Amino acid sequence: MEPSNETISDYDTLKGEKKKIVWAVIIVGLLIGVGFTVASKVFNAKNETIKVKEEFVTMPYGTHEMPVK
């Protein structure tokens, strides 16, 4: 006789130790996300960024150059 989902004792339930582990993983994941967000806001030094010239005279187009208007 093959086991079925109905014969497994903890099928479709989340009780006790399993429930605590699932909640712990969810909370730790959220805390890590909040930590990364806060760190990215705090340590984003705009005065250390490299300025990029965004003006182009010509745009490469295959083997030809096409002037930008």
N, C-alpha and C. Protein backbone atom coordinates (compact mmCIF):
# COMPACT_ATOMS: atom_id res chain seq x y z
N MET A 1 0.84 -1.18 0.00
CA MET A 1 0.00 0.00 0.00
C MET A 1 0.89 1.25 0.00
N GLU A 2 0.61 2.14 -0.93
CA GLU A 2 1.39 3.37 -1.03
C GLU A 2 0.83 4.42 -0.08
N PRO A 3 1.72 5.25 0.50
CA PRO A 3 1.21 6.31 1.38
C PRO A 3 0.50 7.39 0.58
N SER A 4 -0.52 7.96 1.15
CA SER A 4 -1.23 9.07 0.50
C SER A 4 -1.14 10.28 1.42
N ASN A 5 -1.50 11.41 0.90
CA ASN A 5 -1.43 12.64 1.68
C ASN A 5 -2.30 12.58 2.93
N GLU A 6 -3.43 11.91 2.83
CA GLU A 6 -4.34 11.84 3.96
C GLU A 6 -3.78 11.00 5.11
N THR A 7 -2.89 10.05 4.81
CA THR A 7 -2.36 9.19 5.87
C THR A 7 -1.14 9.80 6.55
N ILE A 8 -0.58 10.86 6.00
CA ILE A 8 0.56 11.52 6.64
C ILE A 8 0.01 12.35 7.80
N SER A 9 0.63 12.21 8.97
CA SER A 9 0.07 12.82 10.18
C SER A 9 0.07 14.35 10.16
N ASP A 10 1.07 14.95 9.53
CA ASP A 10 1.13 16.42 9.55
C ASP A 10 0.82 17.03 8.18
N TYR A 11 0.05 16.32 7.35
CA TYR A 11 -0.33 16.85 6.05
C TYR A 11 -1.28 18.04 6.22
N ASP A 12 -0.98 19.10 5.51
CA ASP A 12 -1.82 20.31 5.49
C ASP A 12 -1.99 20.94 6.87
N THR A 13 -1.00 20.79 7.72
CA THR A 13 -1.04 21.45 9.02
C THR A 13 0.31 22.09 9.28
N LEU A 14 0.30 23.08 10.08
CA LEU A 14 1.53 23.75 10.47
C LEU A 14 1.40 24.04 11.95
N LYS A 15 1.93 23.13 12.75
CA LYS A 15 1.76 23.24 14.20
C LYS A 15 3.10 23.13 14.90
N GLY A 16 3.15 23.66 16.08
CA GLY A 16 4.29 23.47 16.97
C GLY A 16 5.60 24.00 16.43
N GLU A 17 6.61 23.14 16.43
CA GLU A 17 7.98 23.52 16.05
C GLU A 17 8.05 24.01 14.60
N LYS A 18 7.33 23.36 13.69
CA LYS A 18 7.34 23.78 12.28
C LYS A 18 6.85 25.22 12.14
N LYS A 19 5.78 25.54 12.83
CA LYS A 19 5.19 26.88 12.73
C LYS A 19 6.17 27.93 13.24
N LYS A 20 6.87 27.62 14.34
CA LYS A 20 7.85 28.55 14.90
C LYS A 20 9.01 28.77 13.92
N ILE A 21 9.45 27.71 13.26
CA ILE A 21 10.56 27.82 12.31
C ILE A 21 10.15 28.66 11.11
N VAL A 22 8.94 28.43 10.60
CA VAL A 22 8.47 29.21 9.44
C VAL A 22 8.39 30.69 9.79
N TRP A 23 7.82 31.01 10.96
CA TRP A 23 7.73 32.40 11.36
C TRP A 23 9.10 33.01 11.59
N ALA A 24 10.02 32.24 12.15
CA ALA A 24 11.38 32.75 12.37
C ALA A 24 12.06 33.07 11.04
N VAL A 25 11.88 32.22 10.04
CA VAL A 25 12.49 32.46 8.73
C VAL A 25 11.88 33.71 8.09
N ILE A 26 10.57 33.88 8.19
CA ILE A 26 9.91 35.05 7.63
C ILE A 26 10.41 36.32 8.31
N ILE A 27 10.48 36.32 9.64
CA ILE A 27 10.91 37.51 10.37
C ILE A 27 12.37 37.83 10.09
N VAL A 28 13.23 36.82 10.03
CA VAL A 28 14.64 37.06 9.73
C VAL A 28 14.79 37.64 8.32
N GLY A 29 14.03 37.12 7.37
CA GLY A 29 14.07 37.65 6.01
C GLY A 29 13.65 39.11 5.95
N LEU A 30 12.60 39.45 6.67
CA LEU A 30 12.15 40.84 6.70
C LEU A 30 13.19 41.74 7.37
N LEU A 31 13.78 41.27 8.46
CA LEU A 31 14.80 42.07 9.14
C LEU A 31 16.03 42.30 8.26
N ILE A 32 16.43 41.29 7.52
CA ILE A 32 17.57 41.45 6.60
C ILE A 32 17.22 42.46 5.52
N GLY A 33 16.00 42.40 4.99
CA GLY A 33 15.57 43.37 3.98
C GLY A 33 15.57 44.79 4.52
N VAL A 34 15.05 44.96 5.73
CA VAL A 34 15.04 46.29 6.36
C VAL A 34 16.47 46.77 6.59
N GLY A 35 17.33 45.86 7.04
CA GLY A 35 18.74 46.23 7.26
C GLY A 35 19.42 46.70 6.00
N PHE A 36 19.22 45.99 4.89
CA PHE A 36 19.81 46.40 3.63
C PHE A 36 19.25 47.74 3.15
N THR A 37 17.95 47.95 3.34
CA THR A 37 17.34 49.21 2.93
C THR A 37 17.91 50.38 3.73
N VAL A 38 18.00 50.21 5.04
CA VAL A 38 18.53 51.27 5.89
C VAL A 38 20.00 51.54 5.54
N ALA A 39 20.77 50.49 5.36
CA ALA A 39 22.19 50.66 5.03
C ALA A 39 22.36 51.36 3.69
N SER A 40 21.51 51.04 2.71
CA SER A 40 21.65 51.68 1.41
C SER A 40 21.28 53.16 1.48
N LYS A 41 20.34 53.51 2.35
CA LYS A 41 19.97 54.93 2.51
C LYS A 41 21.03 55.69 3.29
N VAL A 42 21.61 55.07 4.32
CA VAL A 42 22.58 55.75 5.18
C VAL A 42 23.92 55.90 4.48
N PHE A 43 24.38 54.85 3.81
CA PHE A 43 25.72 54.85 3.24
C PHE A 43 25.76 55.24 1.77
N ASN A 44 24.70 55.85 1.24
CA ASN A 44 24.68 56.30 -0.14
C ASN A 44 25.30 57.70 -0.19
N ALA A 45 26.61 57.74 -0.39
CA ALA A 45 27.33 59.02 -0.40
C ALA A 45 27.28 59.61 -1.80
N LYS A 46 26.44 60.61 -2.00
CA LYS A 46 26.28 61.21 -3.33
C LYS A 46 27.51 62.01 -3.74
N ASN A 47 28.29 62.49 -2.78
CA ASN A 47 29.48 63.26 -3.15
C ASN A 47 30.62 62.35 -3.63
N GLU A 48 30.48 61.03 -3.49
CA GLU A 48 31.51 60.12 -3.95
C GLU A 48 31.18 59.50 -5.31
N THR A 49 30.06 59.88 -5.90
CA THR A 49 29.70 59.30 -7.18
C THR A 49 30.51 59.95 -8.30
N ILE A 50 30.69 59.20 -9.36
CA ILE A 50 31.44 59.69 -10.53
C ILE A 50 30.45 60.35 -11.48
N LYS A 51 30.73 61.57 -11.84
CA LYS A 51 29.84 62.28 -12.76
C LYS A 51 30.06 61.76 -14.18
N VAL A 52 28.96 61.59 -14.89
CA VAL A 52 29.01 61.06 -16.24
C VAL A 52 28.46 62.12 -17.19
N LYS A 53 29.18 62.36 -18.27
CA LYS A 53 28.71 63.30 -19.27
C LYS A 53 27.66 62.57 -20.11
N GLU A 54 26.43 63.07 -20.08
CA GLU A 54 25.34 62.38 -20.74
C GLU A 54 24.99 62.97 -22.10
N GLU A 55 25.84 63.79 -22.65
CA GLU A 55 25.56 64.41 -23.94
C GLU A 55 26.33 63.66 -25.02
N PHE A 56 25.63 63.26 -26.06
CA PHE A 56 26.25 62.53 -27.16
C PHE A 56 26.15 63.36 -28.43
N VAL A 57 27.24 63.38 -29.19
CA VAL A 57 27.24 64.10 -30.46
C VAL A 57 26.74 63.19 -31.56
N THR A 58 27.20 61.96 -31.56
CA THR A 58 26.74 60.98 -32.53
C THR A 58 26.35 59.70 -31.80
N MET A 59 25.45 58.98 -32.40
CA MET A 59 25.01 57.73 -31.81
C MET A 59 25.44 56.59 -32.72
N PRO A 60 26.13 55.60 -32.19
CA PRO A 60 26.54 54.47 -33.04
C PRO A 60 25.30 53.73 -33.54
N TYR A 61 25.28 53.44 -34.82
CA TYR A 61 24.14 52.77 -35.43
C TYR A 61 24.68 51.73 -36.39
N GLY A 62 24.92 50.53 -35.89
CA GLY A 62 25.49 49.48 -36.73
C GLY A 62 26.91 49.87 -37.12
N THR A 63 27.19 49.94 -38.41
CA THR A 63 28.51 50.33 -38.87
C THR A 63 28.57 51.81 -39.20
N HIS A 64 27.44 52.51 -39.16
CA HIS A 64 27.39 53.94 -39.47
C HIS A 64 27.13 54.74 -38.19
N GLU A 65 27.44 56.01 -38.23
CA GLU A 65 27.13 56.87 -37.10
C GLU A 65 25.98 57.79 -37.50
N MET A 66 25.02 57.89 -36.64
CA MET A 66 23.84 58.69 -36.92
C MET A 66 23.85 59.92 -36.00
N PRO A 67 23.76 61.12 -36.52
CA PRO A 67 23.76 62.31 -35.68
C PRO A 67 22.52 62.39 -34.79
N VAL A 68 22.70 62.85 -33.58
CA VAL A 68 21.59 63.00 -32.65
C VAL A 68 21.08 64.41 -32.74
N LYS A 69 19.75 64.57 -32.88
CA LYS A 69 19.17 65.91 -33.01
C LYS A 69 18.66 66.39 -31.70
